[in-house]
Amino acid sequence: MTVRLTDFYADWCGPCKTQDPILEELEADYEDVEFAKVDVDEEQEVANEYQVRSLPTLVIENDDGIVERFVGVTQRGDLEDALQDAGA
């Protein structure tokens, strides 16, 4: 099963910069998870498709669809729990 974590961010977003180190640690530890970053300023159509209204927004999905959505800076433990629920 494919598990993906998508980070919707913008360069001007302070909380997004706070989220980055947490995501970098997760990416190093979860080699079987696909990590994607979407700059909402450059890819507005994708952000609209996922109904992103605030930043950062993190979406965890698997082959069945969206498993969890987080808005705002999210701690590592919460992300790990959601990744495990998604099948990682």
PDB file of N, CA and C in Angstrom:
ATOM      1  N   MET A   1       0.843  -1.180   0.000  1.00  0.00           N
ATOM      2  CA  MET A   1       0.000   0.000   0.000  1.00  0.00           C
ATOM      3  C   MET A   1       0.885   1.240   0.000  1.00  0.00           C
ATOM      4  N   THR A   2       0.563   2.179  -0.841  1.00  0.00           N
ATOM      5  CA  THR A   2       1.308   3.426  -0.918  1.00  0.00           C
ATOM      6  C   THR A   2       0.766   4.412   0.112  1.00  0.00           C
ATOM      7  N   VAL A   3       1.667   4.986   0.891  1.00  0.00           N
ATOM      8  CA  VAL A   3       1.302   6.023   1.855  1.00  0.00           C
ATOM      9  C   VAL A   3       2.059   7.282   1.467  1.00  0.00           C
ATOM     10  N   ARG A   4       1.322   8.408   1.432  1.00  0.00           N
ATOM     11  CA  ARG A   4       1.944   9.678   1.055  1.00  0.00           C
ATOM     12  C   ARG A   4       1.569  10.753   2.063  1.00  0.00           C
ATOM     13  N   LEU A   5       2.553  11.582   2.399  1.00  0.00           N
ATOM     14  CA  LEU A   5       2.330  12.765   3.219  1.00  0.00           C
ATOM     15  C   LEU A   5       2.630  13.967   2.341  1.00  0.00           C
ATOM     16  N   THR A   6       1.633  14.811   2.158  1.00  0.00           N
ATOM     17  CA  THR A   6       1.808  16.017   1.344  1.00  0.00           C
ATOM     18  C   THR A   6       1.783  17.233   2.250  1.00  0.00           C
ATOM     19  N   ASP A   7       2.795  18.054   2.113  1.00  0.00           N
ATOM     20  CA  ASP A   7       2.955  19.290   2.885  1.00  0.00           C
ATOM     21  C   ASP A   7       2.581  20.460   1.982  1.00  0.00           C
ATOM     22  N   PHE A   8       1.486  21.135   2.305  1.00  0.00           N
ATOM     23  CA  PHE A   8       1.090  22.348   1.592  1.00  0.00           C
ATOM     24  C   PHE A   8       1.660  23.527   2.358  1.00  0.00           C
ATOM     25  N   TYR A   9       2.482  24.332   1.685  1.00  0.00           N
ATOM     26  CA  TYR A   9       3.233  25.387   2.358  1.00  0.00           C
ATOM     27  C   TYR A   9       3.368  26.600   1.440  1.00  0.00           C
ATOM     28  N   ALA A  10       3.963  27.664   1.986  1.00  0.00           N
ATOM     29  CA  ALA A  10       4.376  28.826   1.202  1.00  0.00           C
ATOM     30  C   ALA A  10       5.677  29.344   1.812  1.00  0.00           C
ATOM     31  N   ASP A  11       6.521  29.918   0.962  1.00  0.00           N
ATOM     32  CA  ASP A  11       7.817  30.421   1.436  1.00  0.00           C
ATOM     33  C   ASP A  11       7.664  31.512   2.491  1.00  0.00           C
ATOM     34  N   TRP A  12       6.592  32.292   2.427  1.00  0.00           N
ATOM     35  CA  TRP A  12       6.385  33.407   3.352  1.00  0.00           C
ATOM     36  C   TRP A  12       5.744  32.976   4.676  1.00  0.00           C
ATOM     37  N   CYS A  13       5.422  31.704   4.817  1.00  0.00           N
ATOM     38  CA  CYS A  13       4.676  31.183   5.973  1.00  0.00           C
ATOM     39  C   CYS A  13       5.627  30.805   7.110  1.00  0.00           C
ATOM     40  N   GLY A  14       5.596  31.558   8.202  1.00  0.00           N
ATOM     41  CA  GLY A  14       6.445  31.279   9.359  1.00  0.00           C
ATOM     42  C   GLY A  14       6.204  29.912   9.975  1.00  0.00           C
ATOM     43  N   PRO A  15       4.938  29.537  10.260  1.00  0.00           N
ATOM     44  CA  PRO A  15       4.688  28.208  10.820  1.00  0.00           C
ATOM     45  C   PRO A  15       5.151  27.076   9.901  1.00  0.00           C
ATOM     46  N   CYS A  16       5.147  27.311   8.602  1.00  0.00           N
ATOM     47  CA  CYS A  16       5.630  26.283   7.667  1.00  0.00           C
ATOM     48  C   CYS A  16       7.112  26.016   7.902  1.00  0.00           C
ATOM     49  N   LYS A  17       7.860  27.062   8.212  1.00  0.00           N
ATOM     50  CA  LYS A  17       9.289  26.908   8.483  1.00  0.00           C
ATOM     51  C   LYS A  17       9.513  26.133   9.783  1.00  0.00           C
ATOM     52  N   THR A  18       8.599  26.295  10.736  1.00  0.00           N
ATOM     53  CA  THR A  18       8.664  25.538  11.988  1.00  0.00           C
ATOM     54  C   THR A  18       8.378  24.065  11.738  1.00  0.00           C
ATOM     55  N   GLN A  19       7.484  23.776  10.792  1.00  0.00           N
ATOM     56  CA  GLN A  19       7.099  22.400  10.482  1.00  0.00           C
ATOM     57  C   GLN A  19       8.198  21.640   9.744  1.00  0.00           C
ATOM     58  N   ASP A  20       8.998  22.348   8.960  1.00  0.00           N
ATOM     59  CA  ASP A  20       9.997  21.706   8.098  1.00  0.00           C
ATOM     60  C   ASP A  20      10.923  20.714   8.803  1.00  0.00           C
ATOM     61  N   PRO A  21      11.551  21.072   9.932  1.00  0.00           N
ATOM     62  CA  PRO A  21      12.473  20.109  10.558  1.00  0.00           C
ATOM     63  C   PRO A  21      11.773  18.823  11.005  1.00  0.00           C
ATOM     64  N   ILE A  22      10.525  18.929  11.436  1.00  0.00           N
ATOM     65  CA  ILE A  22       9.773  17.744  11.856  1.00  0.00           C
ATOM     66  C   ILE A  22       9.567  16.826  10.652  1.00  0.00           C
ATOM     67  N   LEU A  23       9.203  17.415   9.518  1.00  0.00           N
ATOM     68  CA  LEU A  23       8.982  16.617   8.311  1.00  0.00           C
ATOM     69  C   LEU A  23      10.274  16.009   7.794  1.00  0.00           C
ATOM     70  N   GLU A  24      11.370  16.743   7.901  1.00  0.00           N
ATOM     71  CA  GLU A  24      12.662  16.212   7.458  1.00  0.00           C
ATOM     72  C   GLU A  24      13.062  14.997   8.285  1.00  0.00           C
ATOM     73  N   GLU A  25      12.820  15.041   9.609  1.00  0.00           N
ATOM     74  CA  GLU A  25      13.121  13.897  10.465  1.00  0.00           C
ATOM     75  C   GLU A  25      12.261  12.696  10.071  1.00  0.00           C
ATOM     76  N   LEU A  26      10.967  12.942   9.850  1.00  0.00           N
ATOM     77  CA  LEU A  26      10.076  11.851   9.467  1.00  0.00           C
ATOM     78  C   LEU A  26      10.499  11.229   8.145  1.00  0.00           C
ATOM     79  N   GLU A  27      10.859  12.073   7.199  1.00  0.00           N
ATOM     80  CA  GLU A  27      11.261  11.574   5.884  1.00  0.00           C
ATOM     81  C   GLU A  27      12.481  10.665   5.995  1.00  0.00           C
ATOM     82  N   ALA A  28      13.396  10.998   6.901  1.00  0.00           N
ATOM     83  CA  ALA A  28      14.588  10.177   7.093  1.00  0.00           C
ATOM     84  C   ALA A  28      14.237   8.833   7.738  1.00  0.00           C
ATOM     85  N   ASP A  29      13.209   8.816   8.579  1.00  0.00           N
ATOM     86  CA  ASP A  29      12.853   7.611   9.324  1.00  0.00           C
ATOM     87  C   ASP A  29      11.836   6.718   8.614  1.00  0.00           C
ATOM     88  N   TYR A  30      11.052   7.290   7.705  1.00  0.00           N
ATOM     89  CA  TYR A  30      10.000   6.527   7.027  1.00  0.00           C
ATOM     90  C   TYR A  30      10.306   6.441   5.534  1.00  0.00           C
ATOM     91  N   GLU A  31      11.188   5.521   5.185  1.00  0.00           N
ATOM     92  CA  GLU A  31      11.618   5.393   3.795  1.00  0.00           C
ATOM     93  C   GLU A  31      10.512   4.860   2.889  1.00  0.00           C
ATOM     94  N   ASP A  32       9.518   4.188   3.469  1.00  0.00           N
ATOM     95  CA  ASP A  32       8.440   3.610   2.668  1.00  0.00           C
ATOM     96  C   ASP A  32       7.288   4.594   2.420  1.00  0.00           C
ATOM     97  N   VAL A  33       7.385   5.800   2.956  1.00  0.00           N
ATOM     98  CA  VAL A  33       6.357   6.828   2.771  1.00  0.00           C
ATOM     99  C   VAL A  33       6.831   7.825   1.728  1.00  0.00           C
ATOM    100  N   GLU A  34       5.933   8.193   0.810  1.00  0.00           N
ATOM    101  CA  GLU A  34       6.235   9.234  -0.172  1.00  0.00           C
ATOM    102  C   GLU A  34       5.969  10.594   0.477  1.00  0.00           C
ATOM    103  N   PHE A  35       6.945  11.474   0.410  1.00  0.00           N
ATOM    104  CA  PHE A  35       6.784  12.822   0.938  1.00  0.00           C
ATOM    105  C   PHE A  35       6.742  13.795  -0.228  1.00  0.00           C
ATOM    106  N   ALA A  36       5.753  14.675  -0.214  1.00  0.00           N
ATOM    107  CA  ALA A  36       5.609  15.665  -1.286  1.00  0.00           C
ATOM    108  C   ALA A  36       5.410  17.034  -0.659  1.00  0.00           C
ATOM    109  N   LYS A  37       5.929  18.042  -1.350  1.00  0.00           N
ATOM    110  CA  LYS A  37       5.730  19.423  -0.913  1.00  0.00           C
ATOM    111  C   LYS A  37       5.030  20.178  -2.045  1.00  0.00           C
ATOM    112  N   VAL A  38       3.997  20.930  -1.675  1.00  0.00           N
ATOM    113  CA  VAL A  38       3.251  21.712  -2.659  1.00  0.00           C
ATOM    114  C   VAL A  38       3.275  23.169  -2.217  1.00  0.00           C
ATOM    115  N   ASP A  39       3.941  24.000  -3.013  1.00  0.00           N
ATOM    116  CA  ASP A  39       3.952  25.445  -2.778  1.00  0.00           C
ATOM    117  C   ASP A  39       2.619  25.993  -3.283  1.00  0.00           C
ATOM    118  N   VAL A  40       1.774  26.445  -2.361  1.00  0.00           N
ATOM    119  CA  VAL A  40       0.418  26.855  -2.748  1.00  0.00           C
ATOM    120  C   VAL A  40       0.417  28.082  -3.654  1.00  0.00           C
ATOM    121  N   ASP A  41       1.469  28.876  -3.611  1.00  0.00           N
ATOM    122  CA  ASP A  41       1.551  30.041  -4.497  1.00  0.00           C
ATOM    123  C   ASP A  41       1.818  29.614  -5.940  1.00  0.00           C
ATOM    124  N   GLU A  42       2.551  28.528  -6.112  1.00  0.00           N
ATOM    125  CA  GLU A  42       2.897  28.061  -7.450  1.00  0.00           C
ATOM    126  C   GLU A  42       1.924  27.018  -7.988  1.00  0.00           C
ATOM    127  N   GLU A  43       1.256  26.306  -7.093  1.00  0.00           N
ATOM    128  CA  GLU A  43       0.365  25.216  -7.509  1.00  0.00           C
ATOM    129  C   GLU A  43      -1.009  25.376  -6.864  1.00  0.00           C
ATOM    130  N   GLN A  44      -1.651  26.508  -7.164  1.00  0.00           N
ATOM    131  CA  GLN A  44      -2.941  26.811  -6.554  1.00  0.00           C
ATOM    132  C   GLN A  44      -4.015  25.794  -6.906  1.00  0.00           C
ATOM    133  N   GLU A  45      -3.965  25.245  -8.120  1.00  0.00           N
ATOM    134  CA  GLU A  45      -4.994  24.276  -8.509  1.00  0.00           C
ATOM    135  C   GLU A  45      -4.938  23.022  -7.646  1.00  0.00           C
ATOM    136  N   VAL A  46      -3.738  22.591  -7.281  1.00  0.00           N
ATOM    137  CA  VAL A  46      -3.606  21.415  -6.412  1.00  0.00           C
ATOM    138  C   VAL A  46      -4.102  21.761  -5.011  1.00  0.00           C
ATOM    139  N   ALA A  47      -3.740  22.930  -4.528  1.00  0.00           N
ATOM    140  CA  ALA A  47      -4.203  23.363  -3.203  1.00  0.00           C
ATOM    141  C   ALA A  47      -5.727  23.456  -3.173  1.00  0.00           C
ATOM    142  N   ASN A  48      -6.318  23.945  -4.238  1.00  0.00           N
ATOM    143  CA  ASN A  48      -7.778  24.030  -4.309  1.00  0.00           C
ATOM    144  C   ASN A  48      -8.411  22.647  -4.332  1.00  0.00           C
ATOM    145  N   GLU A  49      -7.794  21.732  -5.067  1.00  0.00           N
ATOM    146  CA  GLU A  49      -8.306  20.364  -5.140  1.00  0.00           C
ATOM    147  C   GLU A  49      -8.373  19.727  -3.751  1.00  0.00           C
ATOM    148  N   TYR A  50      -7.372  20.023  -2.919  1.00  0.00           N
ATOM    149  CA  TYR A  50      -7.324  19.490  -1.560  1.00  0.00           C
ATOM    150  C   TYR A  50      -7.999  20.413  -0.545  1.00  0.00           C
ATOM    151  N   GLN A  51      -8.611  21.476  -1.016  1.00  0.00           N
ATOM    152  CA  GLN A  51      -9.342  22.439  -0.177  1.00  0.00           C
ATOM    153  C   GLN A  51      -8.467  23.000   0.939  1.00  0.00           C
ATOM    154  N   VAL A  52      -7.263  23.408   0.588  1.00  0.00           N
ATOM    155  CA  VAL A  52      -6.336  23.994   1.545  1.00  0.00           C
ATOM    156  C   VAL A  52      -6.734  25.444   1.779  1.00  0.00           C
ATOM    157  N   ARG A  53      -6.996  25.790   3.035  1.00  0.00           N
ATOM    158  CA  ARG A  53      -7.415  27.145   3.395  1.00  0.00           C
ATOM    159  C   ARG A  53      -6.446  27.831   4.345  1.00  0.00           C
ATOM    160  N   SER A  54      -5.619  27.035   5.047  1.00  0.00           N
ATOM    161  CA  SER A  54      -4.655  27.572   6.005  1.00  0.00           C
ATOM    162  C   SER A  54      -3.348  26.826   5.847  1.00  0.00           C
ATOM    163  N   LEU A  55      -2.268  27.454   6.292  1.00  0.00           N
ATOM    164  CA  LEU A  55      -0.940  26.866   6.166  1.00  0.00           C
ATOM    165  C   LEU A  55      -0.272  26.766   7.524  1.00  0.00           C
ATOM    166  N   PRO A  56       0.560  25.750   7.720  1.00  0.00           N
ATOM    167  CA  PRO A  56       0.715  24.603   6.836  1.00  0.00           C
ATOM    168  C   PRO A  56      -0.480  23.659   6.950  1.00  0.00           C
ATOM    169  N   THR A  57      -0.748  22.950   5.878  1.00  0.00           N
ATOM    170  CA  THR A  57      -1.711  21.854   5.875  1.00  0.00           C
ATOM    171  C   THR A  57      -0.972  20.597   5.455  1.00  0.00           C
ATOM    172  N   LEU A  58      -1.139  19.551   6.239  1.00  0.00           N
ATOM    173  CA  LEU A  58      -0.507  18.264   5.951  1.00  0.00           C
ATOM    174  C   LEU A  58      -1.605  17.257   5.680  1.00  0.00           C
ATOM    175  N   VAL A  59      -1.488  16.542   4.572  1.00  0.00           N
ATOM    176  CA  VAL A  59      -2.478  15.536   4.203  1.00  0.00           C
ATOM    177  C   VAL A  59      -1.779  14.188   4.099  1.00  0.00           C
ATOM    178  N   ILE A  60      -2.300  13.222   4.844  1.00  0.00           N
ATOM    179  CA  ILE A  60      -1.781  11.858   4.786  1.00  0.00           C
ATOM    180  C   ILE A  60      -2.825  11.020   4.079  1.00  0.00           C
ATOM    181  N   GLU A  61      -2.377  10.327   3.022  1.00  0.00           N
ATOM    182  CA  GLU A  61      -3.313   9.501   2.269  1.00  0.00           C
ATOM    183  C   GLU A  61      -2.660   8.177   1.896  1.00  0.00           C
ATOM    184  N   ASN A  62      -3.530   7.213   1.579  1.00  0.00           N
ATOM    185  CA  ASN A  62      -3.068   5.927   1.074  1.00  0.00           C
ATOM    186  C   ASN A  62      -3.905   5.573  -0.145  1.00  0.00           C
ATOM    187  N   ASP A  63      -3.837   4.333  -0.578  1.00  0.00           N
ATOM    188  CA  ASP A  63      -4.547   3.924  -1.785  1.00  0.00           C
ATOM    189  C   ASP A  63      -6.057   4.094  -1.664  1.00  0.00           C
ATOM    190  N   ASP A  64      -6.562   4.125  -0.431  1.00  0.00           N
ATOM    191  CA  ASP A  64      -8.002   4.267  -0.198  1.00  0.00           C
ATOM    192  C   ASP A  64      -8.457   5.721  -0.161  1.00  0.00           C
ATOM    193  N   GLY A  65      -7.517   6.672  -0.106  1.00  0.00           N
ATOM    194  CA  GLY A  65      -7.869   8.088  -0.052  1.00  0.00           C
ATOM    195  C   GLY A  65      -7.233   8.770   1.149  1.00  0.00           C
ATOM    196  N   ILE A  66      -7.786   9.923   1.526  1.00  0.00           N
ATOM    197  CA  ILE A  66      -7.235  10.710   2.627  1.00  0.00           C
ATOM    198  C   ILE A  66      -7.541  10.025   3.953  1.00  0.00           C
ATOM    199  N   VAL A  67      -6.489   9.832   4.747  1.00  0.00           N
ATOM    200  CA  VAL A  67      -6.611   9.200   6.054  1.00  0.00           C
ATOM    201  C   VAL A  67      -6.711  10.269   7.135  1.00  0.00           C
ATOM    202  N   GLU A  68      -5.910  11.323   7.006  1.00  0.00           N
ATOM    203  CA  GLU A  68      -5.868  12.366   8.032  1.00  0.00           C
ATOM    204  C   GLU A  68      -5.409  13.679   7.411  1.00  0.00           C
ATOM    205  N   ARG A  69      -5.907  14.764   7.984  1.00  0.00           N
ATOM    206  CA  ARG A  69      -5.528  16.111   7.552  1.00  0.00           C
ATOM    207  C   ARG A  69      -5.206  16.917   8.809  1.00  0.00           C
ATOM    208  N   PHE A  70      -4.066  17.600   8.766  1.00  0.00           N
ATOM    209  CA  PHE A  70      -3.646  18.439   9.885  1.00  0.00           C
ATOM    210  C   PHE A  70      -3.493  19.871   9.386  1.00  0.00           C
ATOM    211  N   VAL A  71      -3.969  20.820  10.172  1.00  0.00           N
ATOM    212  CA  VAL A  71      -3.826  22.230   9.836  1.00  0.00           C
ATOM    213  C   VAL A  71      -3.054  22.894  10.973  1.00  0.00           C
ATOM    214  N   GLY A  72      -1.998  23.616  10.618  1.00  0.00           N
ATOM    215  CA  GLY A  72      -1.131  24.225  11.622  1.00  0.00           C
ATOM    216  C   GLY A  72       0.053  23.315  11.903  1.00  0.00           C
ATOM    217  N   VAL A  73       0.973  23.809  12.704  1.00  0.00           N
ATOM    218  CA  VAL A  73       2.167  23.030  13.037  1.00  0.00           C
ATOM    219  C   VAL A  73       1.730  21.790  13.809  1.00  0.00           C
ATOM    220  N   THR A  74       2.188  20.645  13.338  1.00  0.00           N
ATOM    221  CA  THR A  74       1.781  19.356  13.909  1.00  0.00           C
ATOM    222  C   THR A  74       3.006  18.633  14.447  1.00  0.00           C
ATOM    223  N   GLN A  75       2.874  18.107  15.642  1.00  0.00           N
ATOM    224  CA  GLN A  75       3.994  17.438  16.291  1.00  0.00           C
ATOM    225  C   GLN A  75       4.262  16.069  15.675  1.00  0.00           C
ATOM    226  N   ARG A  76       5.487  15.631  15.817  1.00  0.00           N
ATOM    227  CA  ARG A  76       5.932  14.377  15.216  1.00  0.00           C
ATOM    228  C   ARG A  76       5.075  13.186  15.648  1.00  0.00           C
ATOM    229  N   GLY A  77       4.768  13.086  16.926  1.00  0.00           N
ATOM    230  CA  GLY A  77       4.001  11.943  17.428  1.00  0.00           C
ATOM    231  C   GLY A  77       2.636  11.827  16.766  1.00  0.00           C
ATOM    232  N   ASP A  78       1.970  12.953  16.568  1.00  0.00           N
ATOM    233  CA  ASP A  78       0.665  12.940  15.907  1.00  0.00           C
ATOM    234  C   ASP A  78       0.792  12.478  14.460  1.00  0.00           C
ATOM    235  N   LEU A  79       1.846  12.916  13.791  1.00  0.00           N
ATOM    236  CA  LEU A  79       2.071  12.505  12.403  1.00  0.00           C
ATOM    237  C   LEU A  79       2.412  11.022  12.329  1.00  0.00           C
ATOM    238  N   GLU A  80       3.227  10.548  13.266  1.00  0.00           N
ATOM    239  CA  GLU A  80       3.576   9.123  13.282  1.00  0.00           C
ATOM    240  C   GLU A  80       2.336   8.256  13.485  1.00  0.00           C
ATOM    241  N   ASP A  81       1.460   8.668  14.389  1.00  0.00           N
ATOM    242  CA  ASP A  81       0.222   7.909  14.628  1.00  0.00           C
ATOM    243  C   ASP A  81      -0.605   7.835  13.343  1.00  0.00           C
ATOM    244  N   ALA A  82      -0.733   8.963  12.660  1.00  0.00           N
ATOM    245  CA  ALA A  82      -1.527   8.997  11.426  1.00  0.00           C
ATOM    246  C   ALA A  82      -0.869   8.171  10.320  1.00  0.00           C
ATOM    247  N   LEU A  83       0.458   8.212  10.229  1.00  0.00           N
ATOM    248  CA  LEU A  83       1.154   7.404   9.232  1.00  0.00           C
ATOM    249  C   LEU A  83       0.923   5.913   9.490  1.00  0.00           C
ATOM    250  N   GLN A  84       0.959   5.512  10.751  1.00  0.00           N
ATOM    251  CA  GLN A  84       0.706   4.112  11.078  1.00  0.00           C
ATOM    252  C   GLN A  84      -0.726   3.726  10.748  1.00  0.00           C
ATOM    253  N   ASP A  85      -1.686   4.628  11.034  1.00  0.00           N
ATOM    254  CA  ASP A  85      -3.089   4.367  10.686  1.00  0.00           C
ATOM    255  C   ASP A  85      -3.259   4.204   9.184  1.00  0.00           C
ATOM    256  N   ALA A  86      -2.414   4.914   8.428  1.00  0.00           N
ATOM    257  CA  ALA A  86      -2.506   4.866   6.957  1.00  0.00           C
ATOM    258  C   ALA A  86      -1.838   3.618   6.385  1.00  0.00           C
ATOM    259  N   GLY A  87      -1.075   2.910   7.212  1.00  0.00           N
ATOM    260  CA  GLY A  87      -0.441   1.683   6.745  1.00  0.00           C
ATOM    261  C   GLY A  87       1.052   1.752   6.585  1.00  0.00           C
ATOM    262  N   ALA A  88       1.670   2.800   7.101  1.00  0.00           N
ATOM    263  CA  ALA A  88       3.139   2.926   6.986  1.00  0.00           C
ATOM    264  C   ALA A  88       3.837   2.073   8.017  1.00  0.00           C
TER     265      ALA A  88
END
